[in-house]
Every structure is written in C-alpha cells, then in structure tokens.
PDB file of N, CA and C in Angstrom:
ATOM      1  N   UNK A   1       0.848  -1.166   0.000  1.00  0.00           N
ATOM      2  CA  UNK A   1       0.000   0.000   0.000  1.00  0.00           C
ATOM      3  C   UNK A   1       0.899   1.236   0.000  1.00  0.00           C
ATOM      4  N   UNK A   2       0.626   2.134  -0.891  1.00  0.00           N
ATOM      5  CA  UNK A   2       1.361   3.403  -0.894  1.00  0.00           C
ATOM      6  C   UNK A   2       0.834   4.293   0.222  1.00  0.00           C
ATOM      7  N   UNK A   3       1.690   5.183   0.691  1.00  0.00           N
ATOM      8  CA  UNK A   3       1.313   6.097   1.764  1.00  0.00           C
ATOM      9  C   UNK A   3       1.549   7.535   1.330  1.00  0.00           C
ATOM     10  N   UNK A   4       0.824   8.416   1.975  1.00  0.00           N
ATOM     11  CA  UNK A   4       0.959   9.854   1.715  1.00  0.00           C
ATOM     12  C   UNK A   4       1.072  10.573   3.057  1.00  0.00           C
ATOM     13  N   UNK A   5       1.744  11.718   3.020  1.00  0.00           N
ATOM     14  CA  UNK A   5       1.843  12.539   4.218  1.00  0.00           C
ATOM     15  C   UNK A   5       0.610  13.430   4.302  1.00  0.00           C
ATOM     16  N   UNK A   6      -0.002  13.425   5.456  1.00  0.00           N
ATOM     17  CA  UNK A   6      -1.194  14.223   5.712  1.00  0.00           C
ATOM     18  C   UNK A   6      -0.842  15.240   6.788  1.00  0.00           C
ATOM     19  N   UNK A   7      -0.833  16.505   6.408  1.00  0.00           N
ATOM     20  CA  UNK A   7      -0.419  17.529   7.357  1.00  0.00           C
ATOM     21  C   UNK A   7       1.088  17.488   7.560  1.00  0.00           C
ATOM     22  N   UNK A   8       1.517  17.865   8.728  1.00  0.00           N
ATOM     23  CA  UNK A   8       2.942  17.953   8.997  1.00  0.00           C
ATOM     24  C   UNK A   8       3.569  16.624   9.398  1.00  0.00           C
ATOM     25  N   UNK A   9       2.794  15.736  10.014  1.00  0.00           N
ATOM     26  CA  UNK A   9       3.404  14.531  10.578  1.00  0.00           C
ATOM     27  C   UNK A   9       2.700  13.216  10.269  1.00  0.00           C
ATOM     28  N   UNK A  10       1.460  13.244   9.910  1.00  0.00           N
ATOM     29  CA  UNK A  10       0.706  11.993   9.759  1.00  0.00           C
ATOM     30  C   UNK A  10       0.987  11.336   8.412  1.00  0.00           C
ATOM     31  N   UNK A  11       1.189  10.035   8.447  1.00  0.00           N
ATOM     32  CA  UNK A  11       1.350   9.267   7.219  1.00  0.00           C
ATOM     33  C   UNK A  11       0.196   8.272   7.149  1.00  0.00           C
ATOM     34  N   UNK A  12      -0.547   8.313   6.062  1.00  0.00           N
ATOM     35  CA  UNK A  12      -1.722   7.463   5.911  1.00  0.00           C
ATOM     36  C   UNK A  12      -1.665   6.742   4.575  1.00  0.00           C
ATOM     37  N   UNK A  13      -2.458   5.686   4.453  1.00  0.00           N
ATOM     38  CA  UNK A  13      -2.549   4.951   3.203  1.00  0.00           C
ATOM     39  C   UNK A  13      -3.118   5.862   2.118  1.00  0.00           C
ATOM     40  N   UNK A  14      -2.655   5.655   0.888  1.00  0.00           N
ATOM     41  CA  UNK A  14      -3.144   6.469  -0.229  1.00  0.00           C
ATOM     42  C   UNK A  14      -4.615   6.185  -0.529  1.00  0.00           C
ATOM     43  N   UNK A  15      -5.085   5.023  -0.151  1.00  0.00           N
ATOM     44  CA  UNK A  15      -6.489   4.659  -0.344  1.00  0.00           C
ATOM     45  C   UNK A  15      -7.175   4.725   1.011  1.00  0.00           C
ATOM     46  N   UNK A  16      -8.292   5.446   1.071  1.00  0.00           N
ATOM     47  CA  UNK A  16      -9.040   5.573   2.306  1.00  0.00           C
ATOM     48  C   UNK A  16     -10.330   4.792   2.257  1.00  0.00           C
ATOM     49  N   UNK A  17     -11.003   4.732   3.388  1.00  0.00           N
ATOM     50  CA  UNK A  17     -12.266   4.018   3.520  1.00  0.00           C
ATOM     51  C   UNK A  17     -13.335   4.997   3.988  1.00  0.00           C
ATOM     52  N   UNK A  18     -14.335   5.217   3.149  1.00  0.00           N
ATOM     53  CA  UNK A  18     -15.466   6.065   3.525  1.00  0.00           C
ATOM     54  C   UNK A  18     -16.464   5.264   4.334  1.00  0.00           C
ATOM     55  N   UNK A  19     -16.811   5.759   5.504  1.00  0.00           N
ATOM     56  CA  UNK A  19     -17.648   4.973   6.419  1.00  0.00           C
ATOM     57  C   UNK A  19     -19.094   5.444   6.501  1.00  0.00           C
ATOM     58  N   UNK A  20     -19.521   6.351   5.636  1.00  0.00           N
ATOM     59  CA  UNK A  20     -20.897   6.843   5.702  1.00  0.00           C
ATOM     60  C   UNK A  20     -21.900   5.688   5.596  1.00  0.00           C
ATOM     61  N   UNK A  21     -21.616   4.719   4.783  1.00  0.00           N
ATOM     62  CA  UNK A  21     -22.525   3.596   4.609  1.00  0.00           C
ATOM     63  C   UNK A  21     -22.649   2.708   5.834  1.00  0.00           C
ATOM     64  N   UNK A  22     -21.757   2.888   6.798  1.00  0.00           N
ATOM     65  CA  UNK A  22     -21.812   2.084   8.011  1.00  0.00           C
ATOM     66  C   UNK A  22     -22.727   2.693   9.067  1.00  0.00           C
ATOM     67  N   UNK A  23     -23.249   3.874   8.790  1.00  0.00           N
ATOM     68  CA  UNK A  23     -24.063   4.524   9.817  1.00  0.00           C
ATOM     69  C   UNK A  23     -25.448   4.871   9.300  1.00  0.00           C
ATOM     70  N   UNK A  24     -25.600   6.036   8.730  1.00  0.00           N
ATOM     71  CA  UNK A  24     -26.936   6.541   8.460  1.00  0.00           C
ATOM     72  C   UNK A  24     -27.358   6.530   7.001  1.00  0.00           C
ATOM     73  N   UNK A  25     -26.459   6.292   6.095  1.00  0.00           N
ATOM     74  CA  UNK A  25     -26.776   6.522   4.689  1.00  0.00           C
ATOM     75  C   UNK A  25     -27.594   5.403   4.053  1.00  0.00           C
ATOM     76  N   UNK A  26     -27.358   4.194   4.479  1.00  0.00           N
ATOM     77  CA  UNK A  26     -28.028   3.056   3.854  1.00  0.00           C
ATOM     78  C   UNK A  26     -28.679   2.200   4.922  1.00  0.00           C
ATOM     79  N   UNK A  27     -29.813   1.672   4.611  1.00  0.00           N
ATOM     80  CA  UNK A  27     -30.532   0.801   5.551  1.00  0.00           C
ATOM     81  C   UNK A  27     -30.527  -0.608   5.001  1.00  0.00           C
ATOM     82  N   UNK A  28     -30.647  -1.618   5.758  1.00  0.00           N
ATOM     83  CA  UNK A  28     -30.559  -1.623   7.220  1.00  0.00           C
ATOM     84  C   UNK A  28     -29.106  -1.642   7.684  1.00  0.00           C
ATOM     85  N   UNK A  29     -28.884  -1.206   8.910  1.00  0.00           N
ATOM     86  CA  UNK A  29     -27.550  -1.243   9.504  1.00  0.00           C
ATOM     87  C   UNK A  29     -27.304  -2.663  10.005  1.00  0.00           C
ATOM     88  N   UNK A  30     -26.211  -3.263   9.575  1.00  0.00           N
ATOM     89  CA  UNK A  30     -25.850  -4.621   9.981  1.00  0.00           C
ATOM     90  C   UNK A  30     -24.504  -4.561  10.687  1.00  0.00           C
ATOM     91  N   UNK A  31     -24.543  -4.512  12.000  1.00  0.00           N
ATOM     92  CA  UNK A  31     -23.334  -4.278  12.802  1.00  0.00           C
ATOM     93  C   UNK A  31     -22.237  -5.294  12.520  1.00  0.00           C
ATOM     94  N   UNK A  32     -22.564  -6.575  12.441  1.00  0.00           N
ATOM     95  CA  UNK A  32     -21.534  -7.590  12.230  1.00  0.00           C
ATOM     96  C   UNK A  32     -20.843  -7.413  10.880  1.00  0.00           C
ATOM     97  N   UNK A  33     -21.605  -7.119   9.842  1.00  0.00           N
ATOM     98  CA  UNK A  33     -21.034  -6.904   8.508  1.00  0.00           C
ATOM     99  C   UNK A  33     -20.200  -5.634   8.478  1.00  0.00           C
ATOM    100  N   UNK A  34     -20.660  -4.599   9.180  1.00  0.00           N
ATOM    101  CA  UNK A  34     -19.915  -3.334   9.225  1.00  0.00           C
ATOM    102  C   UNK A  34     -18.561  -3.518   9.918  1.00  0.00           C
ATOM    103  N   UNK A  35     -18.563  -4.241  11.020  1.00  0.00           N
ATOM    104  CA  UNK A  35     -17.308  -4.507  11.737  1.00  0.00           C
ATOM    105  C   UNK A  35     -16.383  -5.353  10.880  1.00  0.00           C
ATOM    106  N   UNK A  36     -16.928  -6.327  10.164  1.00  0.00           N
ATOM    107  CA  UNK A  36     -16.122  -7.160   9.273  1.00  0.00           C
ATOM    108  C   UNK A  36     -15.485  -6.317   8.168  1.00  0.00           C
ATOM    109  N   UNK A  37     -16.234  -5.342   7.648  1.00  0.00           N
ATOM    110  CA  UNK A  37     -15.693  -4.459   6.605  1.00  0.00           C
ATOM    111  C   UNK A  37     -14.547  -3.616   7.145  1.00  0.00           C
ATOM    112  N   UNK A  38     -14.689  -3.082   8.349  1.00  0.00           N
ATOM    113  CA  UNK A  38     -13.614  -2.304   8.962  1.00  0.00           C
ATOM    114  C   UNK A  38     -12.368  -3.153   9.189  1.00  0.00           C
ATOM    115  N   UNK A  39     -12.572  -4.362   9.661  1.00  0.00           N
ATOM    116  CA  UNK A  39     -11.433  -5.255   9.896  1.00  0.00           C
ATOM    117  C   UNK A  39     -10.738  -5.610   8.586  1.00  0.00           C
ATOM    118  N   UNK A  40     -11.522  -5.834   7.543  1.00  0.00           N
ATOM    119  CA  UNK A  40     -10.961  -6.175   6.240  1.00  0.00           C
ATOM    120  C   UNK A  40     -10.111  -5.034   5.695  1.00  0.00           C
ATOM    121  N   UNK A  41     -10.616  -3.806   5.755  1.00  0.00           N
ATOM    122  CA  UNK A  41      -9.831  -2.683   5.252  1.00  0.00           C
ATOM    123  C   UNK A  41      -8.549  -2.511   6.059  1.00  0.00           C
ATOM    124  N   UNK A  42      -8.630  -2.715   7.361  1.00  0.00           N
ATOM    125  CA  UNK A  42      -7.437  -2.624   8.205  1.00  0.00           C
ATOM    126  C   UNK A  42      -6.435  -3.703   7.810  1.00  0.00           C
ATOM    127  N   UNK A  43      -6.906  -4.925   7.596  1.00  0.00           N
ATOM    128  CA  UNK A  43      -6.026  -6.021   7.205  1.00  0.00           C
ATOM    129  C   UNK A  43      -5.353  -5.754   5.855  1.00  0.00           C
ATOM    130  N   UNK A  44      -6.025  -4.995   4.990  1.00  0.00           N
ATOM    131  CA  UNK A  44      -5.472  -4.665   3.678  1.00  0.00           C
ATOM    132  C   UNK A  44      -4.492  -3.493   3.733  1.00  0.00           C
ATOM    133  N   UNK A  45      -4.349  -2.877   4.900  1.00  0.00           N
ATOM    134  CA  UNK A  45      -3.385  -1.796   5.065  1.00  0.00           C
ATOM    135  C   UNK A  45      -3.969  -0.397   4.973  1.00  0.00           C
ATOM    136  N   UNK A  46      -5.294  -0.285   4.945  1.00  0.00           N
ATOM    137  CA  UNK A  46      -5.917   1.030   4.902  1.00  0.00           C
ATOM    138  C   UNK A  46      -5.833   1.671   6.281  1.00  0.00           C
ATOM    139  N   UNK A  47      -5.266   2.869   6.339  1.00  0.00           N
ATOM    140  CA  UNK A  47      -5.084   3.548   7.631  1.00  0.00           C
ATOM    141  C   UNK A  47      -5.807   4.884   7.671  1.00  0.00           C
ATOM    142  N   UNK A  48      -6.625   5.163   6.660  1.00  0.00           N
ATOM    143  CA  UNK A  48      -7.374   6.413   6.611  1.00  0.00           C
ATOM    144  C   UNK A  48      -8.859   6.096   6.479  1.00  0.00           C
ATOM    145  N   UNK A  49      -9.635   6.456   7.479  1.00  0.00           N
ATOM    146  CA  UNK A  49     -11.088   6.280   7.437  1.00  0.00           C
ATOM    147  C   UNK A  49     -11.750   7.645   7.515  1.00  0.00           C
ATOM    148  N   UNK A  50     -12.649   7.899   6.582  1.00  0.00           N
ATOM    149  CA  UNK A  50     -13.408   9.153   6.572  1.00  0.00           C
ATOM    150  C   UNK A  50     -14.622   8.949   7.463  1.00  0.00           C
ATOM    151  N   UNK A  51     -14.594   9.568   8.639  1.00  0.00           N
ATOM    152  CA  UNK A  51     -15.653   9.366   9.624  1.00  0.00           C
ATOM    153  C   UNK A  51     -16.436  10.652   9.902  1.00  0.00           C
ATOM    154  N   UNK A  52     -16.455  11.569   8.949  1.00  0.00           N
ATOM    155  CA  UNK A  52     -17.130  12.850   9.149  1.00  0.00           C
ATOM    156  C   UNK A  52     -18.617  12.662   9.406  1.00  0.00           C
ATOM    157  N   UNK A  53     -19.140  13.409  10.361  1.00  0.00           N
ATOM    158  CA  UNK A  53     -20.571  13.386  10.642  1.00  0.00           C
ATOM    159  C   UNK A  53     -21.305  14.260   9.647  1.00  0.00           C
ATOM    160  N   UNK A  54     -22.483  13.853   9.315  1.00  0.00           N
ATOM    161  CA  UNK A  54     -23.291  14.625   8.364  1.00  0.00           C
ATOM    162  C   UNK A  54     -24.451  15.254   9.101  1.00  0.00           C
TER     163      UNK A  54
END
C-alpha cells in the first residue's frame, strides 16, 4: 500500500475508507457486517477512514 503525508506529521494509506454507509446513509444497519468491513480494510493496510458526521 502506498502512503501519503497528511499535514505535517501523519502518514496514511493512499487509499481511504469512507464509512458513511456504516451509519446513516443506507438501511438496514448490519453491525456484524460493518465490523467485518472495517477489519478487512485494516487487514489490507488502509489507515485512513473518513468518519465525518453529516
């Protein structure tokens, strides 16, 4: 996984994970599947998650 510098000190994966679909955007919310998706992205080396509230 390639990495990029974010700000002055943070280094994150070049590919991020948008998490809007894990909360309010899509129904129904399936907690076990959502946690599995987060674990999978982490296992793949993704270190940037977009967790902005809407």
